[in-house]
Protein backbone atom coordinates (compact mmCIF):
# COMPACT_ATOMS: atom_id res chain seq x y z
CA MET A 1 -6.71 19.81 -16.30
CA ASN A 2 -4.12 20.69 -13.64
CA ILE A 3 -2.74 17.60 -11.89
CA ALA A 4 -0.50 17.63 -8.84
CA ILE A 5 1.52 14.48 -8.14
CA LEU A 6 2.56 14.42 -4.49
CA SER A 7 5.95 12.71 -4.56
CA ARG A 8 9.30 13.19 -2.89
CA GLU A 9 11.18 11.91 -5.93
CA SER A 10 10.49 13.42 -9.33
CA ASP A 11 12.92 10.90 -10.88
CA ASN A 12 11.14 7.91 -9.38
CA TYR A 13 9.96 5.53 -12.14
CA SER A 14 6.31 5.58 -11.04
CA THR A 15 6.26 9.37 -10.71
CA LYS A 16 7.86 9.82 -14.13
CA ARG A 17 5.37 7.43 -15.71
CA LEU A 18 2.39 9.28 -14.22
CA LYS A 19 3.74 12.62 -15.42
CA GLU A 20 4.51 11.22 -18.87
CA GLU A 21 1.04 9.77 -19.38
CA ALA A 22 -0.67 12.89 -18.03
CA LEU A 23 1.28 15.09 -20.43
CA ASN A 24 0.49 12.70 -23.29
CA ARG A 25 -3.19 13.22 -22.54
CA GLY A 26 -2.84 16.99 -22.67
CA HIS A 27 -2.83 17.84 -19.00
CA LYS A 28 -0.68 20.23 -17.02
CA VAL A 29 1.34 18.44 -14.36
CA GLN A 30 3.44 19.49 -11.42
CA VAL A 31 5.34 17.19 -9.09
CA ILE A 32 5.18 18.50 -5.53
CA ASP A 33 7.47 17.23 -2.81
CA TYR A 34 4.87 16.95 -0.06
CA SER A 35 7.58 16.69 2.61
CA LYS A 36 8.55 20.28 1.78
CA CYS A 37 5.00 21.62 1.79
CA TYR A 38 3.61 23.52 4.73
CA ILE A 39 0.01 24.27 5.51
CA THR A 40 -1.94 27.08 7.10
CA VAL A 41 -4.74 25.88 9.33
CA GLU A 42 -7.41 28.47 10.04
CA ARG A 43 -11.16 28.72 9.83
CA ASP A 44 -12.57 28.31 6.31
CA ASN A 45 -9.18 28.80 4.67
CA PRO A 46 -7.17 25.58 4.17
CA VAL A 47 -3.94 26.60 2.41
CA VAL A 48 -1.04 24.52 1.08
CA ARG A 49 2.23 26.33 0.39
CA TYR A 50 5.24 25.04 -1.52
CA LYS A 51 8.50 26.84 -2.25
CA GLY A 52 7.13 30.08 -0.83
CA LYS A 53 3.94 30.10 -2.91
CA GLU A 54 0.38 29.00 -2.37
CA VAL A 55 -0.58 25.90 -4.37
CA ARG A 56 -3.75 26.85 -6.22
CA ASP A 57 -6.05 25.84 -9.08
CA ILE A 58 -5.42 22.11 -8.77
CA ASN A 59 -8.11 19.90 -10.30
CA VAL A 60 -6.96 16.59 -8.82
CA ILE A 61 -4.06 15.23 -6.79
CA ILE A 62 -2.28 11.87 -7.05
CA PRO A 63 -0.58 11.08 -3.71
CA ARG A 64 2.59 8.96 -3.86
CA VAL A 65 3.36 8.99 -0.15
CA SER A 66 6.23 6.95 1.29
CA ALA A 67 5.63 4.74 4.30
CA SER A 68 8.15 6.67 6.42
CA LEU A 69 6.17 9.90 5.96
CA THR A 70 2.63 8.53 6.06
CA ASN A 71 1.39 10.90 8.76
CA TYR A 72 2.74 14.07 7.18
CA GLY A 73 1.87 12.98 3.64
CA SER A 74 -1.68 12.18 4.69
CA SER A 75 -1.95 15.59 6.38
CA ILE A 76 -0.98 17.36 3.15
CA THR A 77 -3.43 15.17 1.24
CA ARG A 78 -6.06 16.01 3.82
CA GLN A 79 -5.46 19.75 3.35
CA PHE A 80 -6.21 19.44 -0.37
CA GLU A 81 -9.34 17.45 0.47
CA MET A 82 -10.43 20.29 2.74
CA GLN A 83 -10.23 22.50 -0.36
CA ASN A 84 -12.56 19.96 -2.03
CA VAL A 85 -9.80 18.90 -4.44
CA PRO A 86 -10.38 15.25 -5.46
CA SER A 87 -7.63 12.75 -4.63
CA THR A 88 -6.99 9.36 -6.24
CA THR A 89 -6.12 8.13 -2.74
CA SER A 90 -7.98 9.58 0.22
CA SER A 91 -6.06 10.61 3.32
CA ILE A 92 -8.05 8.27 5.57
CA ALA A 93 -7.52 5.28 3.26
CA LEU A 94 -3.80 6.04 3.17
CA VAL A 95 -3.52 6.01 6.97
CA ARG A 96 -5.79 2.97 7.27
CA SER A 97 -3.79 0.81 4.86
CA ARG A 98 -0.40 1.73 6.36
CA ASP A 99 -1.39 0.43 9.79
CA LYS A 100 -0.74 -3.31 9.52
CA LEU A 101 -2.96 -4.22 12.47
CA ARG A 102 -5.81 -2.01 11.33
CA SER A 103 -5.57 -3.28 7.76
CA MET A 104 -5.60 -6.92 8.90
CA GLN A 105 -8.65 -6.24 11.06
CA LEU A 106 -10.46 -4.61 8.14
CA LEU A 107 -9.54 -7.41 5.73
CA ALA A 108 -10.81 -10.01 8.18
CA LYS A 109 -14.03 -8.08 8.77
CA ALA A 110 -14.61 -7.85 5.01
CA GLY A 111 -14.31 -11.61 4.70
CA VAL A 112 -10.99 -11.53 2.85
CA GLY A 113 -8.75 -14.55 3.36
CA ILE A 114 -5.57 -13.74 5.32
CA PRO A 115 -2.89 -15.84 7.05
CA LYS A 116 -3.73 -16.29 10.73
CA THR A 117 -2.05 -13.37 12.49
CA VAL A 118 -1.29 -12.43 16.09
CA VAL A 119 -0.33 -8.84 16.88
CA VAL A 120 2.03 -8.34 19.81
CA ARG A 121 3.63 -5.54 21.78
CA GLU A 122 4.23 -5.99 25.49
CA THR A 123 3.05 -9.51 26.22
CA ALA A 124 5.70 -12.04 27.17
CA ASP A 125 3.42 -15.02 26.54
CA PHE A 126 5.56 -16.01 23.57
CA ASP A 127 4.76 -19.72 23.73
CA ASP A 128 1.04 -19.04 23.49
CA VAL A 129 1.52 -16.49 20.69
CA LEU A 130 3.42 -19.07 18.65
CA LYS A 131 0.82 -21.72 19.41
CA GLN A 132 -1.95 -19.47 18.03
CA VAL A 133 -0.39 -19.49 14.55
CA GLY A 134 0.26 -23.23 14.51
CA GLY A 135 3.81 -23.19 15.86
CA ALA A 136 7.07 -22.94 13.95
CA PRO A 137 7.99 -22.20 11.27
CA ALA A 138 6.32 -18.80 11.55
CA ILE A 139 6.66 -15.37 9.95
CA ILE A 140 7.51 -12.53 12.32
CA LYS A 141 7.40 -8.99 10.98
CA VAL A 142 7.75 -5.46 12.30
CA ALA A 143 4.37 -3.75 12.19
CA ARG A 144 5.59 -0.94 9.93
CA GLY A 145 8.17 -2.66 7.72
CA THR A 146 8.14 -2.12 3.94
CA HIS A 147 9.62 -3.74 0.81
CA GLY A 148 10.12 -7.00 2.71
CA ASN A 149 12.33 -5.37 5.35
CA GLY A 150 11.75 -6.25 8.99
CA VAL A 151 10.38 -9.69 8.08
CA VAL A 152 11.87 -12.88 9.55
CA LEU A 153 11.14 -16.55 8.94
CA ALA A 154 11.63 -18.33 12.26
CA GLU A 155 12.05 -21.99 11.35
CA THR A 156 12.14 -23.41 14.88
CA PRO A 157 10.35 -22.59 18.14
CA LYS A 158 13.69 -21.53 19.65
CA ALA A 159 14.36 -19.11 16.79
CA ALA A 160 10.81 -17.71 16.97
CA LEU A 161 11.07 -17.11 20.68
CA ALA A 162 14.44 -15.38 20.26
CA VAL A 163 13.10 -13.00 17.60
CA MET A 164 9.95 -12.20 19.59
CA GLN A 165 12.00 -11.56 22.71
CA ALA A 166 14.28 -9.18 20.78
CA PHE A 167 11.29 -7.20 19.49
CA TYR A 168 9.76 -7.25 22.97
CA VAL A 169 12.89 -5.79 24.55
CA GLU A 170 12.99 -3.03 21.92
CA GLY A 171 9.32 -2.19 22.52
CA VAL A 172 8.47 -2.77 18.86
CA ASN A 173 4.97 -3.65 17.67
CA PHE A 174 5.20 -6.86 15.67
CA LEU A 175 3.05 -9.46 13.96
CA VAL A 176 3.39 -13.23 14.12
CA GLN A 177 1.87 -15.00 11.14
CA GLU A 178 1.31 -18.59 10.15
CA PHE A 179 3.78 -19.87 7.57
CA VAL A 180 2.09 -21.12 4.41
CA ALA A 181 4.63 -23.67 3.19
CA GLU A 182 3.11 -24.23 -0.25
CA SER A 183 3.58 -20.55 -1.15
CA ALA A 184 7.09 -19.99 0.22
CA GLY A 185 9.04 -17.57 -1.97
CA VAL A 186 6.08 -16.91 -4.28
CA ASP A 187 3.32 -14.32 -4.21
CA ILE A 188 1.12 -12.33 -6.59
CA ARG A 189 1.03 -8.54 -6.85
CA SER A 190 -2.07 -7.09 -8.48
CA VAL A 191 -2.82 -3.44 -9.11
CA VAL A 192 -6.39 -2.20 -8.75
CA VAL A 193 -7.59 1.09 -10.22
CA ASN A 194 -11.15 2.28 -9.65
CA GLY A 195 -12.40 -1.19 -8.73
CA LYS A 196 -10.76 -3.02 -11.65
CA VAL A 197 -7.69 -5.27 -11.65
CA VAL A 198 -5.48 -3.69 -14.32
CA ALA A 199 -2.30 -5.78 -13.98
CA SER A 200 -1.03 -8.85 -12.12
CA MET A 201 2.33 -10.52 -11.80
CA LEU A 202 3.67 -13.54 -9.96
CA ARG A 203 6.82 -12.79 -7.97
CA GLN A 204 9.33 -15.58 -7.35
CA SER A 205 12.42 -15.37 -5.15
CA LEU A 206 15.64 -16.14 -7.02
CA ASP A 207 17.30 -18.01 -4.14
CA ASP A 208 16.14 -19.64 -0.94
CA ASP A 209 14.67 -16.40 0.42
CA PHE A 210 11.08 -16.91 1.54
CA ARG A 211 10.29 -13.33 0.48
CA SER A 212 9.33 -12.72 -3.14
CA ASN A 213 9.35 -8.90 -3.05
CA LEU A 214 11.16 -7.39 -6.06
CA HIS A 215 13.07 -5.12 -3.66
CA GLN A 216 14.57 -8.29 -2.19
CA GLY A 217 15.74 -9.60 -5.57
CA GLY A 218 12.57 -11.39 -6.63
CA GLU A 219 11.65 -12.00 -10.27
CA GLY A 220 8.26 -11.17 -11.77
CA ILE A 221 6.29 -12.89 -14.53
CA THR A 222 2.81 -12.27 -15.90
CA VAL A 223 0.09 -14.35 -14.27
CA LYS A 224 -3.60 -14.93 -14.97
CA LEU A 225 -5.83 -14.69 -11.92
CA THR A 226 -8.65 -17.09 -11.21
CA ASP A 227 -12.13 -15.62 -10.71
CA GLU A 228 -11.79 -16.18 -6.95
CA GLU A 229 -8.41 -14.43 -6.86
CA ARG A 230 -9.70 -11.47 -8.87
CA LYS A 231 -12.67 -11.13 -6.52
CA THR A 232 -10.34 -11.32 -3.50
CA VAL A 233 -8.08 -8.58 -4.87
CA ARG A 234 -11.00 -6.22 -5.53
CA LYS A 235 -12.54 -6.90 -2.12
CA ALA A 236 -9.21 -6.27 -0.38
CA ALA A 237 -8.76 -2.87 -2.04
CA LYS A 238 -12.37 -1.94 -1.30
CA SER A 239 -12.03 -2.90 2.37
CA MET A 240 -9.27 -0.29 2.71
CA GLY A 241 -11.25 2.34 0.82
CA LEU A 242 -8.46 2.48 -1.78
CA SER A 243 -9.28 3.27 -5.40
CA VAL A 244 -5.64 2.79 -6.41
CA ALA A 245 -3.92 -0.11 -4.66
CA GLY A 246 -1.37 -2.85 -4.93
CA VAL A 247 -2.63 -6.09 -3.39
CA ASP A 248 -0.14 -8.79 -2.39
CA MET A 249 -1.63 -12.26 -2.23
CA ILE A 250 -0.48 -15.87 -1.98
CA ARG A 251 -2.03 -19.07 -3.28
CA SER A 252 -2.63 -21.59 -0.51
CA ASN A 253 -4.50 -24.82 0.16
CA GLN A 254 -7.09 -22.59 1.85
CA GLY A 255 -7.53 -20.45 -1.28
CA PRO A 256 -6.12 -16.97 -1.93
CA LEU A 257 -4.72 -15.20 1.16
CA VAL A 258 -3.97 -11.47 1.19
CA LEU A 259 -0.70 -10.40 2.81
CA GLU A 260 -0.85 -6.63 2.35
CA VAL A 261 -2.62 -3.80 0.58
CA ASN A 262 -0.30 -1.04 -0.63
CA ALA A 263 -1.63 2.52 -1.03
CA SER A 264 1.22 3.64 -3.33
CA PRO A 265 2.09 0.64 -5.49
CA GLY A 266 5.14 0.91 -7.73
CA PHE A 267 4.68 0.69 -11.48
CA SER A 268 7.53 -1.74 -12.18
CA ILE A 269 4.71 -4.19 -12.84
CA GLU A 270 4.40 -2.42 -16.22
CA LYS A 271 7.81 -3.76 -17.24
CA VAL A 272 6.74 -7.31 -16.44
CA THR A 273 3.20 -7.33 -17.81
CA GLY A 274 3.30 -4.73 -20.58
CA ARG A 275 0.17 -3.16 -19.08
CA ASN A 276 -0.03 0.64 -18.99
CA VAL A 277 -0.91 1.12 -15.33
CA ALA A 278 0.00 4.81 -15.30
CA THR A 279 -2.60 5.62 -17.95
CA LYS A 280 -5.29 3.81 -15.93
CA VAL A 281 -4.48 6.01 -12.93
CA ILE A 282 -4.60 9.19 -15.05
CA GLU A 283 -7.92 8.08 -16.56
CA TYR A 284 -9.28 7.65 -13.04
CA ALA A 285 -7.96 11.10 -12.09
CA GLU A 286 -9.86 12.50 -15.10
CA VAL A 287 -13.06 10.85 -13.86
CA LEU A 288 -12.62 12.46 -10.45
CA ALA A 289 -11.92 15.88 -11.96
CA ARG A 290 -14.94 15.71 -14.27
CA ALA A 291 -17.15 14.89 -11.29
CA GLY A 292 -16.27 18.34 -9.95
CA ARG A 293 -15.10 19.54 -6.60
CA ARG A 294 -17.10 17.65 -4.08
CA LYS A 295 -17.96 19.02 -0.69
CA ASP A 296 -15.61 17.54 1.87
CA LYS A 297 -17.48 14.88 3.83
CA VAL A 298 -14.55 12.89 5.15
CA GLY A 299 -14.17 14.61 8.50
CA ALA A 300 -10.86 15.67 10.01
């Protein structure tokens, strides 16, 4: 089987693990920097070119698209889909999950627990916005931040208003979220592959930072999910249409609450849990390839 991993960084841990496991299972693998691909759009002939050559005879693709290049990465993924090449992450699910407002709307519609959230752009009704999430302290985050960046804990109404006003002046879309005190500095990352939870870890901040993201210096340990938490994780991934996903969740007095669904989860969770996540993704890619090249029904 010929597998193409769409990744900007061939030395990235997750990319290397996918390539390693695919080779171990006897497949041919090429890592393609999707940011350097270009596509030809014409009737009945969707072409992807890379390094001056047409990319051909691919059985399945595994997109590893960074948040900063979501639109272009999804377009390259979409071009392969137009060739009826199966993808472990569909282009529409990728775009859907990267839009924080859209993803929150879809999670809420699917009945997934989420912290109460208000999405803001040009309104100056800051007092009312803060009131809607129960007042301060509150979490304020840029709509397209990643790895815990662009996220602020406003501990007082004055601080919250100052942060919202700064975002307002800059014309930045932002979210204001209720602060769940009992979960401060702790969350759970679970990885879902083909509808199954394959690994979970609890992430704990090492200082007084309210963020537990490993990119912000958090520490991970293996955790066992409750039945309700496992169901929540699966439902969250399904609501995005993601077959491979990282779901970030907190434990609260209201039950499990989902913070975010990541379309390209990192595999550092393997180091914490000992679970071989990369193999699970390759096994899913094999399932897609065996199913054959399906007629494209996604729509442009």
